[in-house]
Structure formats: structure tokens, C-alpha cells
Amino acid sequence: LAESNDFLNSVLDIVSDTLRKKEDVFLRGFG
């Protein structure tokens, strides 16, 4: 659970940082 939580937080941080740079995030098959 701890590793999964760290992994999810890392993914969300990457998405947030990318959006702060005013770049779009495209995840094929998701949105």
C-alpha cells in the first residue's frame, strides 16, 4: 500500500507539474 501510494503521488505530481508549465497531458486510452 505504501509503494502504491508513493507511485500514485508521483504520477499526480508529474501531471500537476506539467500542467503548471502550461503543457497539456495526453494519456492514450484514458483522456
Full PDB file with SEQRES, HELIX, SHEET, SSBOND, CRYST1, ORIGX, SCALE, CONECT and MASTER records, all heavy atoms in Angstrom:
SEQRES   1 A   31  LEU ALA GLU SER ASN ASP PHE LEU ASN SER VAL LEU ASP          
SEQRES   2 A   31  ILE VAL SER ASP THR LEU ARG LYS LYS GLU ASP VAL PHE          
SEQRES   3 A   31  LEU ARG GLY PHE GLY                                          
HELIX    1 AA1 ALA A    2  ARG A   20  1                                  19    
CRYST1    1.000    1.000    1.000  90.00  90.00  90.00 P 1           1          
ORIGX1      1.000000  0.000000  0.000000        0.00000                         
ORIGX2      0.000000  1.000000  0.000000        0.00000                         
ORIGX3      0.000000  0.000000  1.000000        0.00000                         
SCALE1      1.000000  0.000000  0.000000        0.00000                         
SCALE2      0.000000  1.000000  0.000000        0.00000                         
SCALE3      0.000000  0.000000  1.000000        0.00000                         
ATOM      1  N   LEU A   1       0.835  -1.203   0.000  1.00  0.00           N  
ATOM      2  CA  LEU A   1       0.000   0.000   0.000  1.00  0.00           C  
ATOM      3  C   LEU A   1       0.872   1.256   0.000  1.00  0.00           C  
ATOM      4  O   LEU A   1       0.565   2.227  -0.694  1.00  0.00           O  
ATOM      5  CB  LEU A   1      -0.936   0.008   1.209  1.00  0.00           C  
ATOM      6  CG  LEU A   1      -2.110  -0.963   1.152  1.00  0.00           C  
ATOM      7  CD1 LEU A   1      -2.872  -0.943   2.469  1.00  0.00           C  
ATOM      8  CD2 LEU A   1      -3.031  -0.640  -0.003  1.00  0.00           C  
ATOM      9  N   ALA A   2       1.963   1.240   0.766  1.00  0.00           N  
ATOM     10  CA  ALA A   2       2.855   2.406   0.820  1.00  0.00           C  
ATOM     11  C   ALA A   2       3.511   2.657  -0.534  1.00  0.00           C  
ATOM     12  O   ALA A   2       3.601   3.806  -0.988  1.00  0.00           O  
ATOM     13  CB  ALA A   2       3.915   2.211   1.894  1.00  0.00           C  
ATOM     14  N   GLU A   3       3.957   1.593  -1.191  1.00  0.00           N  
ATOM     15  CA  GLU A   3       4.585   1.738  -2.512  1.00  0.00           C  
ATOM     16  C   GLU A   3       3.565   2.232  -3.532  1.00  0.00           C  
ATOM     17  O   GLU A   3       3.868   3.088  -4.366  1.00  0.00           O  
ATOM     18  CB  GLU A   3       5.178   0.402  -2.964  1.00  0.00           C  
ATOM     19  CG  GLU A   3       6.385  -0.037  -2.172  1.00  0.00           C  
ATOM     20  CD  GLU A   3       6.805  -1.469  -2.475  1.00  0.00           C  
ATOM     21  OE1 GLU A   3       5.946  -2.283  -2.909  1.00  0.00           O  
ATOM     22  OE2 GLU A   3       7.986  -1.772  -2.272  1.00  0.00           O  
ATOM     23  N   SER A   4       2.350   1.695  -3.463  1.00  0.00           N  
ATOM     24  CA  SER A   4       1.287   2.122  -4.381  1.00  0.00           C  
ATOM     25  C   SER A   4       0.936   3.584  -4.155  1.00  0.00           C  
ATOM     26  O   SER A   4       0.732   4.334  -5.117  1.00  0.00           O  
ATOM     27  CB  SER A   4       0.045   1.256  -4.184  1.00  0.00           C  
ATOM     28  OG  SER A   4       0.315  -0.074  -4.522  1.00  0.00           O  
ATOM     29  N   ASN A   5       0.881   4.000  -2.898  1.00  0.00           N  
ATOM     30  CA  ASN A   5       0.587   5.395  -2.579  1.00  0.00           C  
ATOM     31  C   ASN A   5       1.692   6.315  -3.113  1.00  0.00           C  
ATOM     32  O   ASN A   5       1.403   7.354  -3.711  1.00  0.00           O  
ATOM     33  CB  ASN A   5       0.434   5.568  -1.065  1.00  0.00           C  
ATOM     34  CG  ASN A   5      -0.063   6.933  -0.691  1.00  0.00           C  
ATOM     35  OD1 ASN A   5      -1.054   7.411  -1.242  1.00  0.00           O  
ATOM     36  ND2 ASN A   5       0.625   7.571   0.233  1.00  0.00           N  
ATOM     37  N   ASP A   6       2.956   5.919  -2.917  1.00  0.00           N  
ATOM     38  CA  ASP A   6       4.082   6.712  -3.427  1.00  0.00           C  
ATOM     39  C   ASP A   6       4.038   6.796  -4.946  1.00  0.00           C  
ATOM     40  O   ASP A   6       4.285   7.856  -5.527  1.00  0.00           O  
ATOM     41  CB  ASP A   6       5.414   6.114  -2.981  1.00  0.00           C  
ATOM     42  CG  ASP A   6       5.659   6.267  -1.493  1.00  0.00           C  
ATOM     43  OD1 ASP A   6       4.958   7.094  -0.850  1.00  0.00           O  
ATOM     44  OD2 ASP A   6       6.542   5.561  -0.966  1.00  0.00           O  
ATOM     45  N   PHE A   7       3.719   5.667  -5.597  1.00  0.00           N  
ATOM     46  CA  PHE A   7       3.642   5.639  -7.050  1.00  0.00           C  
ATOM     47  C   PHE A   7       2.554   6.582  -7.556  1.00  0.00           C  
ATOM     48  O   PHE A   7       2.782   7.399  -8.451  1.00  0.00           O  
ATOM     49  CB  PHE A   7       3.378   4.216  -7.537  1.00  0.00           C  
ATOM     50  CG  PHE A   7       3.224   4.112  -9.027  1.00  0.00           C  
ATOM     51  CD1 PHE A   7       4.331   4.123  -9.851  1.00  0.00           C  
ATOM     52  CD2 PHE A   7       1.971   4.007  -9.607  1.00  0.00           C  
ATOM     53  CE1 PHE A   7       4.194   4.043 -11.233  1.00  0.00           C  
ATOM     54  CE2 PHE A   7       1.818   3.929 -10.973  1.00  0.00           C  
ATOM     55  CZ  PHE A   7       2.948   3.940 -11.789  1.00  0.00           C  
ATOM     56  N   LEU A   8       1.372   6.491  -6.965  1.00  0.00           N  
ATOM     57  CA  LEU A   8       0.260   7.341  -7.380  1.00  0.00           C  
ATOM     58  C   LEU A   8       0.583   8.813  -7.141  1.00  0.00           C  
ATOM     59  O   LEU A   8       0.328   9.655  -8.011  1.00  0.00           O  
ATOM     60  CB  LEU A   8      -1.030   6.949  -6.665  1.00  0.00           C  
ATOM     61  CG  LEU A   8      -2.273   7.741  -7.054  1.00  0.00           C  
ATOM     62  CD1 LEU A   8      -2.569   7.617  -8.549  1.00  0.00           C  
ATOM     63  CD2 LEU A   8      -3.464   7.285  -6.242  1.00  0.00           C  
ATOM     64  N   ASN A   9       1.167   9.120  -5.985  1.00  0.00           N  
ATOM     65  CA  ASN A   9       1.552  10.503  -5.700  1.00  0.00           C  
ATOM     66  C   ASN A   9       2.570  11.016  -6.712  1.00  0.00           C  
ATOM     67  O   ASN A   9       2.506  12.168  -7.136  1.00  0.00           O  
ATOM     68  CB  ASN A   9       2.097  10.635  -4.282  1.00  0.00           C  
ATOM     69  CG  ASN A   9       1.007  10.603  -3.244  1.00  0.00           C  
ATOM     70  OD1 ASN A   9      -0.146  10.930  -3.518  1.00  0.00           O  
ATOM     71  ND2 ASN A   9       1.367  10.187  -2.043  1.00  0.00           N  
ATOM     72  N   SER A  10       3.501  10.167  -7.119  1.00  0.00           N  
ATOM     73  CA  SER A  10       4.498  10.562  -8.112  1.00  0.00           C  
ATOM     74  C   SER A  10       3.842  10.876  -9.452  1.00  0.00           C  
ATOM     75  O   SER A  10       4.165  11.880 -10.098  1.00  0.00           O  
ATOM     76  CB  SER A  10       5.538   9.459  -8.294  1.00  0.00           C  
ATOM     77  OG  SER A  10       6.266   9.262  -7.118  1.00  0.00           O  
ATOM     78  N   VAL A  11       2.916  10.027  -9.864  1.00  0.00           N  
ATOM     79  CA  VAL A  11       2.214  10.252 -11.135  1.00  0.00           C  
ATOM     80  C   VAL A  11       1.420  11.565 -11.078  1.00  0.00           C  
ATOM     81  O   VAL A  11       1.479  12.386 -11.998  1.00  0.00           O  
ATOM     82  CB  VAL A  11       1.283   9.064 -11.473  1.00  0.00           C  
ATOM     83  CG1 VAL A  11       0.375   9.396 -12.649  1.00  0.00           C  
ATOM     84  CG2 VAL A  11       2.104   7.821 -11.761  1.00  0.00           C  
ATOM     85  N   LEU A  12       0.714  11.775  -9.981  1.00  0.00           N  
ATOM     86  CA  LEU A  12      -0.083  13.001  -9.847  1.00  0.00           C  
ATOM     87  C   LEU A  12       0.805  14.231  -9.780  1.00  0.00           C  
ATOM     88  O   LEU A  12       0.451  15.290 -10.326  1.00  0.00           O  
ATOM     89  CB  LEU A  12      -0.984  12.911  -8.615  1.00  0.00           C  
ATOM     90  CG  LEU A  12      -2.062  11.825  -8.675  1.00  0.00           C  
ATOM     91  CD1 LEU A  12      -2.833  11.768  -7.360  1.00  0.00           C  
ATOM     92  CD2 LEU A  12      -2.999  12.029  -9.847  1.00  0.00           C  
ATOM     93  N   ASP A  13       1.970  14.135  -9.141  1.00  0.00           N  
ATOM     94  CA  ASP A  13       2.918  15.251  -9.102  1.00  0.00           C  
ATOM     95  C   ASP A  13       3.429  15.592 -10.498  1.00  0.00           C  
ATOM     96  O   ASP A  13       3.542  16.765 -10.861  1.00  0.00           O  
ATOM     97  CB  ASP A  13       4.110  14.930  -8.193  1.00  0.00           C  
ATOM     98  CG  ASP A  13       3.758  14.983  -6.722  1.00  0.00           C  
ATOM     99  OD1 ASP A  13       2.701  15.553  -6.370  1.00  0.00           O  
ATOM    100  OD2 ASP A  13       4.549  14.439  -5.912  1.00  0.00           O  
ATOM    101  N   ILE A  14       3.727  14.558 -11.284  1.00  0.00           N  
ATOM    102  CA  ILE A  14       4.206  14.782 -12.649  1.00  0.00           C  
ATOM    103  C   ILE A  14       3.128  15.476 -13.482  1.00  0.00           C  
ATOM    104  O   ILE A  14       3.405  16.439 -14.211  1.00  0.00           O  
ATOM    105  CB  ILE A  14       4.641  13.459 -13.300  1.00  0.00           C  
ATOM    106  CG1 ILE A  14       5.906  12.932 -12.612  1.00  0.00           C  
ATOM    107  CG2 ILE A  14       4.864  13.624 -14.795  1.00  0.00           C  
ATOM    108  CD1 ILE A  14       6.252  11.493 -12.972  1.00  0.00           C  
ATOM    109  N   VAL A  15       1.887  15.013 -13.371  1.00  0.00           N  
ATOM    110  CA  VAL A  15       0.781  15.639 -14.111  1.00  0.00           C  
ATOM    111  C   VAL A  15       0.607  17.087 -13.664  1.00  0.00           C  
ATOM    112  O   VAL A  15       0.493  17.995 -14.494  1.00  0.00           O  
ATOM    113  CB  VAL A  15      -0.531  14.831 -13.930  1.00  0.00           C  
ATOM    114  CG1 VAL A  15      -1.726  15.596 -14.497  1.00  0.00           C  
ATOM    115  CG2 VAL A  15      -0.416  13.464 -14.582  1.00  0.00           C  
ATOM    116  N   SER A  16       0.630  17.325 -12.353  1.00  0.00           N  
ATOM    117  CA  SER A  16       0.464  18.690 -11.824  1.00  0.00           C  
ATOM    118  C   SER A  16       1.590  19.608 -12.289  1.00  0.00           C  
ATOM    119  O   SER A  16       1.351  20.749 -12.703  1.00  0.00           O  
ATOM    120  CB  SER A  16       0.435  18.673 -10.300  1.00  0.00           C  
ATOM    121  OG  SER A  16      -0.681  17.973  -9.840  1.00  0.00           O  
ATOM    122  N   ASP A  17       2.833  19.132 -12.213  1.00  0.00           N  
ATOM    123  CA  ASP A  17       3.980  19.941 -12.637  1.00  0.00           C  
ATOM    124  C   ASP A  17       3.902  20.279 -14.119  1.00  0.00           C  
ATOM    125  O   ASP A  17       4.205  21.400 -14.530  1.00  0.00           O  
ATOM    126  CB  ASP A  17       5.294  19.223 -12.337  1.00  0.00           C  
ATOM    127  CG  ASP A  17       5.588  19.126 -10.847  1.00  0.00           C  
ATOM    128  OD1 ASP A  17       4.955  19.870 -10.055  1.00  0.00           O  
ATOM    129  OD2 ASP A  17       6.436  18.292 -10.471  1.00  0.00           O  
ATOM    130  N   THR A  18       3.482  19.301 -14.913  1.00  0.00           N  
ATOM    131  CA  THR A  18       3.353  19.534 -16.353  1.00  0.00           C  
ATOM    132  C   THR A  18       2.285  20.580 -16.635  1.00  0.00           C  
ATOM    133  O   THR A  18       2.478  21.476 -17.462  1.00  0.00           O  
ATOM    134  CB  THR A  18       3.025  18.212 -17.078  1.00  0.00           C  
ATOM    135  OG1 THR A  18       4.043  17.252 -16.784  1.00  0.00           O  
ATOM    136  CG2 THR A  18       2.944  18.412 -18.577  1.00  0.00           C  
ATOM    137  N   LEU A  19       1.154  20.507 -15.939  1.00  0.00           N  
ATOM    138  CA  LEU A  19       0.085  21.496 -16.131  1.00  0.00           C  
ATOM    139  C   LEU A  19       0.525  22.875 -15.662  1.00  0.00           C  
ATOM    140  O   LEU A  19       0.168  23.884 -16.270  1.00  0.00           O  
ATOM    141  CB  LEU A  19      -1.181  21.050 -15.401  1.00  0.00           C  
ATOM    142  CG  LEU A  19      -1.878  19.825 -15.994  1.00  0.00           C  
ATOM    143  CD1 LEU A  19      -2.974  19.334 -15.059  1.00  0.00           C  
ATOM    144  CD2 LEU A  19      -2.432  20.117 -17.376  1.00  0.00           C  
ATOM    145  N   ARG A  20       1.314  22.951 -14.586  1.00  0.00           N  
ATOM    146  CA  ARG A  20       1.820  24.249 -14.119  1.00  0.00           C  
ATOM    147  C   ARG A  20       2.716  24.909 -15.162  1.00  0.00           C  
ATOM    148  O   ARG A  20       2.809  26.124 -15.226  1.00  0.00           O  
ATOM    149  CB  ARG A  20       2.599  24.080 -12.819  1.00  0.00           C  
ATOM    150  CG  ARG A  20       1.725  24.037 -11.608  1.00  0.00           C  
ATOM    151  CD  ARG A  20       2.546  24.108 -10.322  1.00  0.00           C  
ATOM    152  NE  ARG A  20       1.740  23.618  -9.235  1.00  0.00           N  
ATOM    153  CZ  ARG A  20       1.738  22.378  -8.759  1.00  0.00           C  
ATOM    154  NH1 ARG A  20       2.566  21.481  -9.262  1.00  0.00           N  
ATOM    155  NH2 ARG A  20       0.945  22.029  -7.783  1.00  0.00           N  
ATOM    156  N   LYS A  21       3.377  24.093 -15.978  1.00  0.00           N  
ATOM    157  CA  LYS A  21       4.229  24.605 -17.064  1.00  0.00           C  
ATOM    158  C   LYS A  21       3.401  24.972 -18.292  1.00  0.00           C  
ATOM    159  O   LYS A  21       3.944  25.269 -19.344  1.00  0.00           O  
ATOM    160  CB  LYS A  21       5.271  23.558 -17.448  1.00  0.00           C  
ATOM    161  CG  LYS A  21       6.270  23.268 -16.367  1.00  0.00           C  
ATOM    162  CD  LYS A  21       7.209  22.162 -16.823  1.00  0.00           C  
ATOM    163  CE  LYS A  21       8.069  21.673 -15.702  1.00  0.00           C  
ATOM    164  NZ  LYS A  21       8.870  20.492 -16.094  1.00  0.00           N  
ATOM    165  N   LYS A  22       2.074  24.894 -18.151  1.00  0.00           N  
ATOM    166  CA  LYS A  22       1.122  25.213 -19.217  1.00  0.00           C  
ATOM    167  C   LYS A  22       1.233  24.260 -20.398  1.00  0.00           C  
ATOM    168  O   LYS A  22       1.020  24.625 -21.549  1.00  0.00           O  
ATOM    169  CB  LYS A  22       1.276  26.660 -19.670  1.00  0.00           C  
ATOM    170  CG  LYS A  22       1.012  27.636 -18.555  1.00  0.00           C  
ATOM    171  CD  LYS A  22       1.223  29.052 -18.996  1.00  0.00           C  
ATOM    172  CE  LYS A  22       1.038  29.962 -17.794  1.00  0.00           C  
ATOM    173  NZ  LYS A  22       1.499  31.290 -18.024  1.00  0.00           N  
ATOM    174  N   GLU A  23       1.598  23.009 -20.096  1.00  0.00           N  
ATOM    175  CA  GLU A  23       1.651  21.965 -21.108  1.00  0.00           C  
ATOM    176  C   GLU A  23       0.483  21.009 -20.876  1.00  0.00           C  
ATOM    177  O   GLU A  23       0.093  20.765 -19.743  1.00  0.00           O  
ATOM    178  CB  GLU A  23       2.967  21.198 -21.016  1.00  0.00           C  
ATOM    179  CG  GLU A  23       4.201  22.048 -21.255  1.00  0.00           C  
ATOM    180  CD  GLU A  23       5.494  21.293 -21.013  1.00  0.00           C  
ATOM    181  OE1 GLU A  23       5.463  20.046 -20.966  1.00  0.00           O  
ATOM    182  OE2 GLU A  23       6.523  21.949 -20.858  1.00  0.00           O  
ATOM    183  N   ASP A  24      -0.067  20.480 -21.958  1.00  0.00           N  
ATOM    184  CA  ASP A  24      -1.160  19.531 -21.861  1.00  0.00           C  
ATOM    185  C   ASP A  24      -0.617  18.135 -21.557  1.00  0.00           C  
ATOM    186  O   ASP A  24       0.526  17.819 -21.879  1.00  0.00           O  
ATOM    187  CB  ASP A  24      -1.961  19.484 -23.164  1.00  0.00           C  
ATOM    188  CG  ASP A  24      -2.656  20.803 -23.461  1.00  0.00           C  
ATOM    189  OD1 ASP A  24      -2.855  21.590 -22.517  1.00  0.00           O  
ATOM    190  OD2 ASP A  24      -3.004  21.031 -24.629  1.00  0.00           O  
ATOM    191  N   VAL A  25      -1.457  17.300 -20.951  1.00  0.00           N  
ATOM    192  CA  VAL A  25      -1.102  15.912 -20.649  1.00  0.00           C  
ATOM    193  C   VAL A  25      -2.095  15.017 -21.373  1.00  0.00           C  
ATOM    194  O   VAL A  25      -3.295  15.112 -21.145  1.00  0.00           O  
ATOM    195  CB  VAL A  25      -1.155  15.645 -19.122  1.00  0.00           C  
ATOM    196  CG1 VAL A  25      -0.844  14.185 -18.829  1.00  0.00           C  
ATOM    197  CG2 VAL A  25      -0.201  16.570 -18.376  1.00  0.00           C  
ATOM    198  N   PHE A  26      -1.579  14.164 -22.259  1.00  0.00           N  
ATOM    199  CA  PHE A  26      -2.420  13.241 -23.019  1.00  0.00           C  
ATOM    200  C   PHE A  26      -2.082  11.816 -22.601  1.00  0.00           C  
ATOM    201  O   PHE A  26      -0.940  11.390 -22.702  1.00  0.00           O  
ATOM    202  CB  PHE A  26      -2.179  13.390 -24.527  1.00  0.00           C  
ATOM    203  CG  PHE A  26      -2.493  14.769 -25.037  1.00  0.00           C  
ATOM    204  CD1 PHE A  26      -1.493  15.682 -25.269  1.00  0.00           C  
ATOM    205  CD2 PHE A  26      -3.805  15.148 -25.277  1.00  0.00           C  
ATOM    206  CE1 PHE A  26      -1.773  16.950 -25.730  1.00  0.00           C  
ATOM    207  CE2 PHE A  26      -4.099  16.416 -25.739  1.00  0.00           C  
ATOM    208  CZ  PHE A  26      -3.082  17.323 -25.966  1.00  0.00           C  
ATOM    209  N   LEU A  27      -3.076  11.088 -22.122  1.00  0.00           N  
ATOM    210  CA  LEU A  27      -2.903   9.698 -21.740  1.00  0.00           C  
ATOM    211  C   LEU A  27      -3.775   8.855 -22.665  1.00  0.00           C  
ATOM    212  O   LEU A  27      -5.003   8.803 -22.504  1.00  0.00           O  
ATOM    213  CB  LEU A  27      -3.303   9.484 -20.275  1.00  0.00           C  
ATOM    214  CG  LEU A  27      -2.558  10.357 -19.259  1.00  0.00           C  
ATOM    215  CD1 LEU A  27      -3.160  10.207 -17.875  1.00  0.00           C  
ATOM    216  CD2 LEU A  27      -1.085  10.022 -19.253  1.00  0.00           C  
ATOM    217  N   ARG A  28      -3.134   8.239 -23.639  1.00  0.00           N  
ATOM    218  CA  ARG A  28      -3.863   7.478 -24.659  1.00  0.00           C  
ATOM    219  C   ARG A  28      -4.728   6.408 -24.007  1.00  0.00           C  
ATOM    220  O   ARG A  28      -4.292   5.685 -23.127  1.00  0.00           O  
ATOM    221  CB  ARG A  28      -2.889   6.845 -25.638  1.00  0.00           C  
ATOM    222  CG  ARG A  28      -3.576   6.206 -26.829  1.00  0.00           C  
ATOM    223  CD  ARG A  28      -2.586   5.693 -27.845  1.00  0.00           C  
ATOM    224  NE  ARG A  28      -1.660   6.703 -28.322  1.00  0.00           N  
ATOM    225  CZ  ARG A  28      -1.902   7.546 -29.327  1.00  0.00           C  
ATOM    226  NH1 ARG A  28      -3.051   7.490 -29.946  1.00  0.00           N  
ATOM    227  NH2 ARG A  28      -1.002   8.418 -29.698  1.00  0.00           N  
ATOM    228  N   GLY A  29      -5.979   6.336 -24.418  1.00  0.00           N  
ATOM    229  CA  GLY A  29      -6.910   5.362 -23.886  1.00  0.00           C  
ATOM    230  C   GLY A  29      -7.594   5.812 -22.604  1.00  0.00           C  
ATOM    231  O   GLY A  29      -8.456   5.123 -22.080  1.00  0.00           O  
ATOM    232  N   PHE A  30      -7.203   6.967 -22.070  1.00  0.00           N  
ATOM    233  CA  PHE A  30      -7.802   7.462 -20.829  1.00  0.00           C  
ATOM    234  C   PHE A  30      -8.409   8.834 -21.039  1.00  0.00           C  
ATOM    235  O   PHE A  30      -9.604   9.025 -20.872  1.00  0.00           O  
ATOM    236  CB  PHE A  30      -6.747   7.500 -19.720  1.00  0.00           C  
ATOM    237  CG  PHE A  30      -7.285   7.980 -18.405  1.00  0.00           C  
ATOM    238  CD1 PHE A  30      -8.174   7.218 -17.685  1.00  0.00           C  
ATOM    239  CD2 PHE A  30      -6.898   9.216 -17.893  1.00  0.00           C  
ATOM    240  CE1 PHE A  30      -8.682   7.667 -16.464  1.00  0.00           C  
ATOM    241  CE2 PHE A  30      -7.385   9.667 -16.687  1.00  0.00           C  
ATOM    242  CZ  PHE A  30      -8.275   8.894 -15.972  1.00  0.00           C  
ATOM    243  N   GLY A  31      -7.573   9.817 -21.398  1.00  0.00           N  
ATOM    244  CA  GLY A  31      -8.080  11.159 -21.624  1.00  0.00           C  
ATOM    245  C   GLY A  31      -6.961  12.175 -21.615  1.00  0.00           C  
ATOM    246  O   GLY A  31      -5.780  11.826 -21.625  1.00  0.00           O  
TER     247      GLY A  31                                                      
MASTER        0    0    0    1    0    0    0    6  246    1    0    3          
END                                                                             
